[in-house]
Amino acid sequence: MILTFKEPVEPMEIRKLLFVTKFEDLCFDALRSLLNLREADLQHVVFMNVVERDKVAMYRGTGYRKSEEVRLKEKANIRFIDWAEDLFEEGLEVGVYLVVGRLVPQVIKAVEKEEADLLVVGRSPKGVFKQLYGGSDVTELIRRASVPVLVFKHLTENPKDLEQPFARPLLAMDWSPASLRAVEYLTRLGKVIKQVDVAYVAGDDELTGSTGMAIQKMRKERRRQLDEICDQLEAAGIRAESHVYVGDTNDEIEMAARECQSSMIVLGSSSKSAWVERWLGSTPLSIAEDSAFPTLIIPPDKG
């Protein structure tokens, strides 16, 4: 069933950004690539570092020590002070959270307390630091966060070449309420977006009919629906192009992002329960964890 906007969608702005970092996976160059969001009302950046006792002990190979907690907090504080000075010079407000505890509950608590509009987290490269910031943390944050979550991945090793993630997003549509909300979200960011590529991946179950004509009819219908989304974006002053793919959803979304030279992938989050996602999978969660591209996950309206 194809859904359309029948009621106004809850406004979504980016005035306050919560930037959660372990430093190994997300550093100041990543934040700097997001500062063009000032043109879309960004006014306040809150830095957050969570010291997780069990993971520190696991990484160091020793029992947990209070002195190690203090050392890590002060190390993070020194880094945040340096970052804050740069942001102050650019006219932004800055806040800092240095806390001890389990990462996911602490981040969700900070999102609610700060009334953040966007949560930014990093996805660690495979290897030594995976245990410090595992995929399960990213998954749980996406499931529990009431605000959009940007899972940041570096597309280049050279910070000077780091593209602004919001410059050329690929919007993967499935016409769920959350993906329709993602359309509305992007229309509010026209000042920072150069182009949106809107894509739909048809599964094998949609390739029905005994003739090629029936399959082409499906393609044309999906293309028409995508063009309606493009029209909405262009009415907001954003250049948009539509694309139809066929095959495995995750693989085709990744291919589409590469072909379109996208700066990030945008998806509406799943409305499935955690149990269903665990057994049947979730495309937004899989893309967020496994894609090479920064991934913006838009939650459904929980109001």
C-alpha atoms as a PDB file:
ATOM      1  CA  MET A   1       0.000   0.000   0.000  1.00  0.00           C
ATOM      2  CA  ILE A   2       1.326   3.429  -0.934  1.00  0.00           C
ATOM      3  CA  LEU A   3       0.980   6.126   1.695  1.00  0.00           C
ATOM      4  CA  THR A   4       0.720   9.844   1.041  1.00  0.00           C
ATOM      5  CA  PHE A   5       0.719  12.887   3.309  1.00  0.00           C
ATOM      6  CA  LYS A   6      -2.821  13.400   4.616  1.00  0.00           C
ATOM      7  CA  GLU A   7      -1.991  15.353   7.759  1.00  0.00           C
ATOM      8  CA  PRO A   8       0.793  17.838   8.524  1.00  0.00           C
ATOM      9  CA  VAL A   9       3.974  16.080   9.561  1.00  0.00           C
ATOM     10  CA  GLU A  10       5.509  17.059  12.892  1.00  0.00           C
ATOM     11  CA  PRO A  11       8.106  19.811  12.260  1.00  0.00           C
ATOM     12  CA  MET A  12      11.705  18.603  12.391  1.00  0.00           C
ATOM     13  CA  GLU A  13      14.488  21.121  12.848  1.00  0.00           C
ATOM     14  CA  ILE A  14      18.172  20.870  13.739  1.00  0.00           C
ATOM     15  CA  ARG A  15      18.820  23.519  16.364  1.00  0.00           C
ATOM     16  CA  LYS A  16      20.744  21.334  18.808  1.00  0.00           C
ATOM     17  CA  LEU A  17      23.082  18.471  17.903  1.00  0.00           C
ATOM     18  CA  LEU A  18      24.326  15.816  20.356  1.00  0.00           C
ATOM     19  CA  PHE A  19      27.744  14.570  19.207  1.00  0.00           C
ATOM     20  CA  VAL A  20      28.692  11.297  20.937  1.00  0.00           C
ATOM     21  CA  THR A  21      32.282  10.225  20.442  1.00  0.00           C
ATOM     22  CA  LYS A  22      34.878   7.725  21.606  1.00  0.00           C
ATOM     23  CA  PHE A  23      37.425   9.749  19.555  1.00  0.00           C
ATOM     24  CA  GLU A  24      38.755   6.647  17.782  1.00  0.00           C
ATOM     25  CA  ASP A  25      35.729   6.576  15.474  1.00  0.00           C
ATOM     26  CA  LEU A  26      34.464  10.167  15.441  1.00  0.00           C
ATOM     27  CA  CYS A  27      36.636  13.280  15.660  1.00  0.00           C
ATOM     28  CA  PHE A  28      36.438  17.022  15.077  1.00  0.00           C
ATOM     29  CA  ASP A  29      36.801  16.771  11.305  1.00  0.00           C
ATOM     30  CA  ALA A  30      33.511  14.855  11.246  1.00  0.00           C
ATOM     31  CA  LEU A  31      31.792  17.557  13.262  1.00  0.00           C
ATOM     32  CA  ARG A  32      33.234  20.277  11.057  1.00  0.00           C
ATOM     33  CA  SER A  33      31.659  18.600   8.007  1.00  0.00           C
ATOM     34  CA  LEU A  34      28.269  19.114   9.708  1.00  0.00           C
ATOM     35  CA  LEU A  35      28.676  22.794  10.521  1.00  0.00           C
ATOM     36  CA  ASN A  36      26.906  23.854   7.341  1.00  0.00           C
ATOM     37  CA  LEU A  37      23.770  22.893   9.280  1.00  0.00           C
ATOM     38  CA  ARG A  38      24.041  26.388  10.742  1.00  0.00           C
ATOM     39  CA  GLU A  39      22.245  27.454   7.565  1.00  0.00           C
ATOM     40  CA  ALA A  40      19.401  25.184   8.704  1.00  0.00           C
ATOM     41  CA  ASP A  41      19.183  26.748  12.194  1.00  0.00           C
ATOM     42  CA  LEU A  42      21.899  24.774  14.026  1.00  0.00           C
ATOM     43  CA  GLN A  43      22.768  26.866  17.094  1.00  0.00           C
ATOM     44  CA  HIS A  44      24.028  24.503  19.764  1.00  0.00           C
ATOM     45  CA  VAL A  45      26.436  21.522  19.813  1.00  0.00           C
ATOM     46  CA  VAL A  46      26.658  19.212  22.829  1.00  0.00           C
ATOM     47  CA  PHE A  47      29.711  16.945  23.084  1.00  0.00           C
ATOM     48  CA  MET A  48      29.365  13.648  24.916  1.00  0.00           C
ATOM     49  CA  ASN A  49      31.834  10.993  26.021  1.00  0.00           C
ATOM     50  CA  VAL A  50      30.747   7.959  28.029  1.00  0.00           C
ATOM     51  CA  VAL A  51      33.286   5.996  30.070  1.00  0.00           C
ATOM     52  CA  GLU A  52      32.036   2.397  30.233  1.00  0.00           C
ATOM     53  CA  ARG A  53      33.668   0.584  33.122  1.00  0.00           C
ATOM     54  CA  ASP A  54      33.369  -2.964  31.797  1.00  0.00           C
ATOM     55  CA  LYS A  55      34.721  -2.100  28.348  1.00  0.00           C
ATOM     56  CA  VAL A  56      37.658  -0.144  29.734  1.00  0.00           C
ATOM     57  CA  ALA A  57      38.653  -3.111  31.889  1.00  0.00           C
ATOM     58  CA  MET A  58      38.209  -5.484  28.921  1.00  0.00           C
ATOM     59  CA  TYR A  59      40.351  -3.323  26.632  1.00  0.00           C
ATOM     60  CA  ARG A  60      43.150  -2.770  29.172  1.00  0.00           C
ATOM     61  CA  GLY A  61      43.147  -6.412  30.256  1.00  0.00           C
ATOM     62  CA  THR A  62      42.938  -5.494  33.939  1.00  0.00           C
ATOM     63  CA  GLY A  63      40.289  -4.970  36.536  1.00  0.00           C
ATOM     64  CA  TYR A  64      38.541  -1.616  36.570  1.00  0.00           C
ATOM     65  CA  ARG A  65      40.495   1.184  38.250  1.00  0.00           C
ATOM     66  CA  LYS A  66      39.125   4.534  39.429  1.00  0.00           C
ATOM     67  CA  SER A  67      42.339   6.233  38.315  1.00  0.00           C
ATOM     68  CA  GLU A  68      41.701   5.016  34.756  1.00  0.00           C
ATOM     69  CA  GLU A  69      38.210   6.533  34.845  1.00  0.00           C
ATOM     70  CA  VAL A  70      39.610   9.905  35.925  1.00  0.00           C
ATOM     71  CA  ARG A  71      42.347   9.758  33.300  1.00  0.00           C
ATOM     72  CA  LEU A  72      39.891   9.034  30.489  1.00  0.00           C
ATOM     73  CA  LYS A  73      37.453  11.740  31.569  1.00  0.00           C
ATOM     74  CA  GLU A  74      40.153  14.387  31.781  1.00  0.00           C
ATOM     75  CA  LYS A  75      41.629  13.313  28.455  1.00  0.00           C
ATOM     76  CA  ALA A  76      38.195  13.755  26.852  1.00  0.00           C
ATOM     77  CA  ASN A  77      37.689  17.083  28.622  1.00  0.00           C
ATOM     78  CA  ILE A  78      40.947  18.481  27.224  1.00  0.00           C
ATOM     79  CA  ARG A  79      39.868  17.478  23.727  1.00  0.00           C
ATOM     80  CA  PHE A  80      36.398  18.966  24.139  1.00  0.00           C
ATOM     81  CA  ILE A  81      37.778  22.280  25.451  1.00  0.00           C
ATOM     82  CA  ASP A  82      39.890  22.592  22.316  1.00  0.00           C
ATOM     83  CA  TRP A  83      36.915  21.816  20.085  1.00  0.00           C
ATOM     84  CA  ALA A  84      34.657  24.194  21.992  1.00  0.00           C
ATOM     85  CA  GLU A  85      37.021  27.113  21.475  1.00  0.00           C
ATOM     86  CA  ASP A  86      36.734  26.667  17.712  1.00  0.00           C
ATOM     87  CA  LEU A  87      32.941  26.521  17.850  1.00  0.00           C
ATOM     88  CA  PHE A  88      32.693  29.563  20.127  1.00  0.00           C
ATOM     89  CA  GLU A  89      34.606  31.543  17.499  1.00  0.00           C
ATOM     90  CA  GLU A  90      31.987  30.521  14.936  1.00  0.00           C
ATOM     91  CA  GLY A  91      29.143  31.744  17.137  1.00  0.00           C
ATOM     92  CA  LEU A  92      27.829  28.375  18.317  1.00  0.00           C
ATOM     93  CA  GLU A  93      26.771  27.468  21.847  1.00  0.00           C
ATOM     94  CA  VAL A  94      28.552  24.426  23.289  1.00  0.00           C
ATOM     95  CA  GLY A  95      27.759  21.941  26.047  1.00  0.00           C
ATOM     96  CA  VAL A  96      29.674  18.926  27.373  1.00  0.00           C
ATOM     97  CA  TYR A  97      28.678  15.608  28.953  1.00  0.00           C
ATOM     98  CA  LEU A  98      31.419  13.495  30.562  1.00  0.00           C
ATOM     99  CA  VAL A  99      29.678  10.579  32.262  1.00  0.00           C
ATOM    100  CA  VAL A 100      30.362   7.077  33.564  1.00  0.00           C
ATOM    101  CA  GLY A 101      27.923   4.274  32.869  1.00  0.00           C
ATOM    102  CA  ARG A 102      26.401   2.194  30.097  1.00  0.00           C
ATOM    103  CA  LEU A 103      26.565   4.002  26.773  1.00  0.00           C
ATOM    104  CA  VAL A 104      23.038   3.566  25.413  1.00  0.00           C
ATOM    105  CA  PRO A 105      21.042   4.576  28.532  1.00  0.00           C
ATOM    106  CA  GLN A 106      23.345   7.553  29.143  1.00  0.00           C
ATOM    107  CA  VAL A 107      22.989   8.793  25.553  1.00  0.00           C
ATOM    108  CA  ILE A 108      19.205   8.394  25.517  1.00  0.00           C
ATOM    109  CA  LYS A 109      19.028  10.273  28.833  1.00  0.00           C
ATOM    110  CA  ALA A 110      21.144  13.107  27.369  1.00  0.00           C
ATOM    111  CA  VAL A 111      19.004  13.294  24.212  1.00  0.00           C
ATOM    112  CA  GLU A 112      15.892  13.749  26.333  1.00  0.00           C
ATOM    113  CA  LYS A 113      17.422  16.157  28.839  1.00  0.00           C
ATOM    114  CA  GLU A 114      19.005  18.361  26.177  1.00  0.00           C
ATOM    115  CA  GLU A 115      16.008  18.070  23.824  1.00  0.00           C
ATOM    116  CA  ALA A 116      18.475  17.392  21.012  1.00  0.00           C
ATOM    117  CA  ASP A 117      17.219  17.461  17.424  1.00  0.00           C
ATOM    118  CA  LEU A 118      19.912  15.207  15.947  1.00  0.00           C
ATOM    119  CA  LEU A 119      22.053  12.465  17.484  1.00  0.00           C
ATOM    120  CA  VAL A 120      25.428  11.849  15.819  1.00  0.00           C
ATOM    121  CA  VAL A 121      27.377   8.677  16.598  1.00  0.00           C
ATOM    122  CA  GLY A 122      30.359   7.036  14.946  1.00  0.00           C
ATOM    123  CA  ARG A 123      30.724   3.538  13.578  1.00  0.00           C
ATOM    124  CA  SER A 124      34.077   2.061  14.535  1.00  0.00           C
ATOM    125  CA  PRO A 125      36.220   0.358  11.915  1.00  0.00           C
ATOM    126  CA  LYS A 126      36.581  -3.398  12.296  1.00  0.00           C
ATOM    127  CA  GLY A 127      39.403  -4.385  14.583  1.00  0.00           C
ATOM    128  CA  VAL A 128      40.797  -3.267  17.915  1.00  0.00           C
ATOM    129  CA  PHE A 129      38.132  -0.726  18.818  1.00  0.00           C
ATOM    130  CA  LYS A 130      35.088  -2.745  17.819  1.00  0.00           C
ATOM    131  CA  GLN A 131      34.526  -3.817  21.427  1.00  0.00           C
ATOM    132  CA  LEU A 132      34.675  -0.200  22.562  1.00  0.00           C
ATOM    133  CA  TYR A 133      31.819   0.853  20.311  1.00  0.00           C
ATOM    134  CA  GLY A 134      30.057  -2.210  18.986  1.00  0.00           C
ATOM    135  CA  GLY A 135      27.353  -2.528  16.392  1.00  0.00           C
ATOM    136  CA  SER A 136      24.899  -3.539  19.103  1.00  0.00           C
ATOM    137  CA  ASP A 137      25.237  -0.048  20.646  1.00  0.00           C
ATOM    138  CA  VAL A 138      24.451   1.621  17.330  1.00  0.00           C
ATOM    139  CA  THR A 139      21.468  -0.675  16.798  1.00  0.00           C
ATOM    140  CA  GLU A 140      20.084  -0.042  20.263  1.00  0.00           C
ATOM    141  CA  LEU A 141      20.487   3.730  19.943  1.00  0.00           C
ATOM    142  CA  ILE A 142      18.562   3.726  16.671  1.00  0.00           C
ATOM    143  CA  ARG A 143      15.801   1.622  18.195  1.00  0.00           C
ATOM    144  CA  ARG A 144      15.439   3.778  21.287  1.00  0.00           C
ATOM    145  CA  ALA A 145      16.160   7.314  20.084  1.00  0.00           C
ATOM    146  CA  SER A 146      13.170   9.559  19.487  1.00  0.00           C
ATOM    147  CA  VAL A 147      15.198  11.831  17.187  1.00  0.00           C
ATOM    148  CA  PRO A 148      17.024  11.214  13.876  1.00  0.00           C
ATOM    149  CA  VAL A 149      20.320   9.370  14.281  1.00  0.00           C
ATOM    150  CA  LEU A 150      23.284  10.031  11.982  1.00  0.00           C
ATOM    151  CA  VAL A 151      25.717   7.105  12.006  1.00  0.00           C
ATOM    152  CA  PHE A 152      28.895   8.724  10.730  1.00  0.00           C
ATOM    153  CA  LYS A 153      31.431   6.833   8.612  1.00  0.00           C
ATOM    154  CA  HIS A 154      34.426   8.406   6.907  1.00  0.00           C
ATOM    155  CA  LEU A 155      34.278   8.158   3.117  1.00  0.00           C
ATOM    156  CA  THR A 156      37.863   9.387   2.852  1.00  0.00           C
ATOM    157  CA  GLU A 157      41.007   9.073   4.908  1.00  0.00           C
ATOM    158  CA  ASN A 158      41.955  12.680   4.171  1.00  0.00           C
ATOM    159  CA  PRO A 159      40.071  15.119   6.440  1.00  0.00           C
ATOM    160  CA  LYS A 160      40.496  17.882   3.855  1.00  0.00           C
ATOM    161  CA  ASP A 161      38.417  15.849   1.407  1.00  0.00           C
ATOM    162  CA  LEU A 162      35.639  15.076   3.879  1.00  0.00           C
ATOM    163  CA  GLU A 163      32.370  15.894   2.137  1.00  0.00           C
ATOM    164  CA  GLN A 164      29.439  17.432   3.935  1.00  0.00           C
ATOM    165  CA  PRO A 165      27.077  14.472   4.552  1.00  0.00           C
ATOM    166  CA  PHE A 166      23.950  16.495   3.811  1.00  0.00           C
ATOM    167  CA  ALA A 167      25.225  17.692   0.418  1.00  0.00           C
ATOM    168  CA  ARG A 168      23.987  14.772  -1.749  1.00  0.00           C
ATOM    169  CA  PRO A 169      21.825  12.356   0.242  1.00  0.00           C
ATOM    170  CA  LEU A 170      20.336   9.213  -1.234  1.00  0.00           C
ATOM    171  CA  LEU A 171      16.796   8.830   0.100  1.00  0.00           C
ATOM    172  CA  ALA A 172      15.721   5.168   0.106  1.00  0.00           C
ATOM    173  CA  MET A 173      11.919   5.104  -0.076  1.00  0.00           C
ATOM    174  CA  ASP A 174       9.491   2.376   0.921  1.00  0.00           C
ATOM    175  CA  TRP A 175       6.515   4.693   1.588  1.00  0.00           C
ATOM    176  CA  SER A 176       6.375   3.765   5.254  1.00  0.00           C
ATOM    177  CA  PRO A 177       5.335   6.593   7.617  1.00  0.00           C
ATOM    178  CA  ALA A 178       8.968   7.036   8.667  1.00  0.00           C
ATOM    179  CA  SER A 179      10.240   7.314   5.080  1.00  0.00           C
ATOM    180  CA  LEU A 180       7.543   9.878   4.318  1.00  0.00           C
ATOM    181  CA  ARG A 181       8.688  11.744   7.397  1.00  0.00           C
ATOM    182  CA  ALA A 182      12.224  11.604   5.966  1.00  0.00           C
ATOM    183  CA  VAL A 183      10.972  13.428   2.859  1.00  0.00           C
ATOM    184  CA  GLU A 184       9.567  16.190   5.032  1.00  0.00           C
ATOM    185  CA  TYR A 185      12.804  16.281   7.025  1.00  0.00           C
ATOM    186  CA  LEU A 186      14.912  16.849   3.913  1.00  0.00           C
ATOM    187  CA  THR A 187      12.614  19.551   2.556  1.00  0.00           C
ATOM    188  CA  ARG A 188      13.475  21.613   5.640  1.00  0.00           C
ATOM    189  CA  LEU A 189      17.188  21.393   4.865  1.00  0.00           C
ATOM    190  CA  GLY A 190      17.147  22.900   1.405  1.00  0.00           C
ATOM    191  CA  LYS A 191      19.858  25.438   2.241  1.00  0.00           C
ATOM    192  CA  VAL A 192      22.443  22.704   2.850  1.00  0.00           C
ATOM    193  CA  ILE A 193      21.404  20.124   0.228  1.00  0.00           C
ATOM    194  CA  LYS A 194      22.690  20.237  -3.350  1.00  0.00           C
ATOM    195  CA  GLN A 195      20.701  17.267  -4.654  1.00  0.00           C
ATOM    196  CA  VAL A 196      18.617  14.361  -3.388  1.00  0.00           C
ATOM    197  CA  ASP A 197      18.539  11.062  -5.268  1.00  0.00           C
ATOM    198  CA  VAL A 198      15.300   9.249  -4.427  1.00  0.00           C
ATOM    199  CA  ALA A 199      15.499   5.481  -4.864  1.00  0.00           C
ATOM    200  CA  TYR A 200      13.189   2.505  -4.540  1.00  0.00           C
ATOM    201  CA  VAL A 201      14.283  -1.143  -4.589  1.00  0.00           C
ATOM    202  CA  ALA A 202      11.709  -3.577  -5.953  1.00  0.00           C
ATOM    203  CA  GLY A 203      11.913  -7.129  -4.641  1.00  0.00           C
ATOM    204  CA  ASP A 204      11.526 -10.264  -6.712  1.00  0.00           C
ATOM    205  CA  ASP A 205       7.983 -10.623  -5.369  1.00  0.00           C
ATOM    206  CA  GLU A 206       7.028  -7.502  -7.331  1.00  0.00           C
ATOM    207  CA  LEU A 207       8.214  -8.973 -10.632  1.00  0.00           C
ATOM    208  CA  THR A 208       4.908 -10.666 -11.275  1.00  0.00           C
ATOM    209  CA  GLY A 209       3.090 -11.259 -14.521  1.00  0.00           C
ATOM    210  CA  SER A 210       3.699 -13.512 -17.468  1.00  0.00           C
ATOM    211  CA  THR A 211       5.025 -10.781 -19.747  1.00  0.00           C
ATOM    212  CA  GLY A 212       7.727  -8.147 -19.697  1.00  0.00           C
ATOM    213  CA  MET A 213       4.995  -5.576 -20.164  1.00  0.00           C
ATOM    214  CA  ALA A 214       3.584  -6.312 -16.700  1.00  0.00           C
ATOM    215  CA  ILE A 215       6.995  -5.846 -15.102  1.00  0.00           C
ATOM    216  CA  GLN A 216       7.554  -2.593 -16.971  1.00  0.00           C
ATOM    217  CA  LYS A 217       4.166  -1.413 -15.756  1.00  0.00           C
ATOM    218  CA  MET A 218       5.350  -1.948 -12.180  1.00  0.00           C
ATOM    219  CA  ARG A 219       8.558  -0.031 -12.903  1.00  0.00           C
ATOM    220  CA  LYS A 220       6.656   2.896 -14.405  1.00  0.00           C
ATOM    221  CA  GLU A 221       4.263   3.038 -11.477  1.00  0.00           C
ATOM    222  CA  ARG A 222       7.081   3.097  -8.958  1.00  0.00           C
ATOM    223  CA  ARG A 223       8.885   5.720 -11.008  1.00  0.00           C
ATOM    224  CA  ARG A 224       5.750   7.853 -11.049  1.00  0.00           C
ATOM    225  CA  GLN A 225       5.497   7.617  -7.270  1.00  0.00           C
ATOM    226  CA  LEU A 226       9.150   8.558  -6.885  1.00  0.00           C
ATOM    227  CA  ASP A 227       8.677  11.498  -9.224  1.00  0.00           C
ATOM    228  CA  GLU A 228       5.931  12.772  -6.914  1.00  0.00           C
ATOM    229  CA  ILE A 229       8.468  12.762  -4.067  1.00  0.00           C
ATOM    230  CA  CYS A 230      10.948  14.587  -6.327  1.00  0.00           C
ATOM    231  CA  ASP A 231       8.304  17.194  -7.145  1.00  0.00           C
ATOM    232  CA  GLN A 232       7.788  17.813  -3.438  1.00  0.00           C
ATOM    233  CA  LEU A 233      11.528  18.275  -2.898  1.00  0.00           C
ATOM    234  CA  GLU A 234      11.900  20.544  -5.915  1.00  0.00           C
ATOM    235  CA  ALA A 235       8.993  22.659  -4.684  1.00  0.00           C
ATOM    236  CA  ALA A 236      11.229  23.311  -1.661  1.00  0.00           C
ATOM    237  CA  GLY A 237      14.073  24.373  -3.964  1.00  0.00           C
ATOM    238  CA  ILE A 238      15.973  21.064  -3.866  1.00  0.00           C
ATOM    239  CA  ARG A 239      17.119  19.349  -7.042  1.00  0.00           C
ATOM    240  CA  ALA A 240      15.934  15.729  -7.053  1.00  0.00           C
ATOM    241  CA  GLU A 241      16.161  12.659  -9.315  1.00  0.00           C
ATOM    242  CA  SER A 242      14.340   9.340  -9.098  1.00  0.00           C
ATOM    243  CA  HIS A 243      15.762   5.826  -9.520  1.00  0.00           C
ATOM    244  CA  VAL A 244      14.235   2.332  -9.523  1.00  0.00           C
ATOM    245  CA  TYR A 245      16.360  -0.713  -8.690  1.00  0.00           C
ATOM    246  CA  VAL A 246      15.537  -4.421  -8.494  1.00  0.00           C
ATOM    247  CA  GLY A 247      17.165  -7.019  -6.249  1.00  0.00           C
ATOM    248  CA  ASP A 248      18.392  -7.400  -2.689  1.00  0.00           C
ATOM    249  CA  THR A 249      17.379  -4.230  -0.842  1.00  0.00           C
ATOM    250  CA  ASN A 250      20.595  -3.687   1.106  1.00  0.00           C
ATOM    251  CA  ASP A 251      22.890  -4.409  -1.844  1.00  0.00           C
ATOM    252  CA  GLU A 252      20.917  -2.236  -4.240  1.00  0.00           C
ATOM    253  CA  ILE A 253      20.772   0.718  -1.844  1.00  0.00           C
ATOM    254  CA  GLU A 254      24.547   0.535  -1.457  1.00  0.00           C
ATOM    255  CA  MET A 255      24.959   0.336  -5.249  1.00  0.00           C
ATOM    256  CA  ALA A 256      22.612   3.273  -5.738  1.00  0.00           C
ATOM    257  CA  ALA A 257      24.626   5.390  -3.301  1.00  0.00           C
ATOM    258  CA  ARG A 258      27.816   4.610  -5.196  1.00  0.00           C
ATOM    259  CA  GLU A 259      26.311   5.236  -8.636  1.00  0.00           C
ATOM    260  CA  CYS A 260      24.801   8.535  -7.508  1.00  0.00           C
ATOM    261  CA  GLN A 261      28.026   9.553  -5.728  1.00  0.00           C
ATOM    262  CA  SER A 262      25.948  10.151  -2.619  1.00  0.00           C
ATOM    263  CA  SER A 263      27.313  11.738   0.535  1.00  0.00           C
ATOM    264  CA  MET A 264      25.042   9.706   2.808  1.00  0.00           C
ATOM    265  CA  ILE A 265      22.051   7.334   2.852  1.00  0.00           C
ATOM    266  CA  VAL A 266      18.738   8.385   4.427  1.00  0.00           C
ATOM    267  CA  LEU A 267      16.108   5.857   5.515  1.00  0.00           C
ATOM    268  CA  GLY A 268      13.008   5.811   7.666  1.00  0.00           C
ATOM    269  CA  SER A 269      13.424   3.520  10.653  1.00  0.00           C
ATOM    270  CA  SER A 270      11.579   0.248  10.953  1.00  0.00           C
ATOM    271  CA  SER A 271       8.378  -0.032  12.945  1.00  0.00           C
ATOM    272  CA  LYS A 272       9.102  -3.706  13.602  1.00  0.00           C
ATOM    273  CA  SER A 273       9.535  -4.887  17.160  1.00  0.00           C
ATOM    274  CA  ALA A 274      13.036  -5.651  18.410  1.00  0.00           C
ATOM    275  CA  TRP A 275      12.157  -9.371  18.389  1.00  0.00           C
ATOM    276  CA  VAL A 276      11.039  -9.297  14.748  1.00  0.00           C
ATOM    277  CA  GLU A 277      14.111  -7.305  13.727  1.00  0.00           C
ATOM    278  CA  ARG A 278      16.388  -9.796  15.446  1.00  0.00           C
ATOM    279  CA  TRP A 279      14.951 -12.731  13.516  1.00  0.00           C
ATOM    280  CA  LEU A 280      13.880 -11.199  10.207  1.00  0.00           C
ATOM    281  CA  GLY A 281      16.304  -8.310   9.962  1.00  0.00           C
ATOM    282  CA  SER A 282      15.858  -4.603   9.351  1.00  0.00           C
ATOM    283  CA  THR A 283      17.152  -2.750   6.316  1.00  0.00           C
ATOM    284  CA  PRO A 284      17.753   0.585   8.159  1.00  0.00           C
ATOM    285  CA  LEU A 285      19.714  -1.141  10.922  1.00  0.00           C
ATOM    286  CA  SER A 286      21.730  -3.230   8.453  1.00  0.00           C
ATOM    287  CA  ILE A 287      22.610  -0.198   6.338  1.00  0.00           C
ATOM    288  CA  ALA A 288      23.519   1.816   9.445  1.00  0.00           C
ATOM    289  CA  GLU A 289      25.871  -0.903  10.660  1.00  0.00           C
ATOM    290  CA  ASP A 290      27.331  -2.273   7.432  1.00  0.00           C
ATOM    291  CA  SER A 291      27.225   0.426   4.751  1.00  0.00           C
ATOM    292  CA  ALA A 292      30.357   2.368   3.879  1.00  0.00           C
ATOM    293  CA  PHE A 293      28.229   5.533   3.752  1.00  0.00           C
ATOM    294  CA  PRO A 294      27.136   7.796   6.594  1.00  0.00           C
ATOM    295  CA  THR A 295      23.563   6.802   7.383  1.00  0.00           C
ATOM    296  CA  LEU A 296      20.756   9.023   8.644  1.00  0.00           C
ATOM    297  CA  ILE A 297      17.887   7.119  10.244  1.00  0.00           C
ATOM    298  CA  ILE A 298      14.591   8.992  10.656  1.00  0.00           C
ATOM    299  CA  PRO A 299      12.293   7.621  13.365  1.00  0.00           C
ATOM    300  CA  PRO A 300       8.531   7.352  12.960  1.00  0.00           C
ATOM    301  CA  ASP A 301       6.462  10.033  14.605  1.00  0.00           C
ATOM    302  CA  LYS A 302       5.934   8.768  18.149  1.00  0.00           C
ATOM    303  CA  GLY A 303       3.541  11.528  19.024  1.00  0.00           C
END
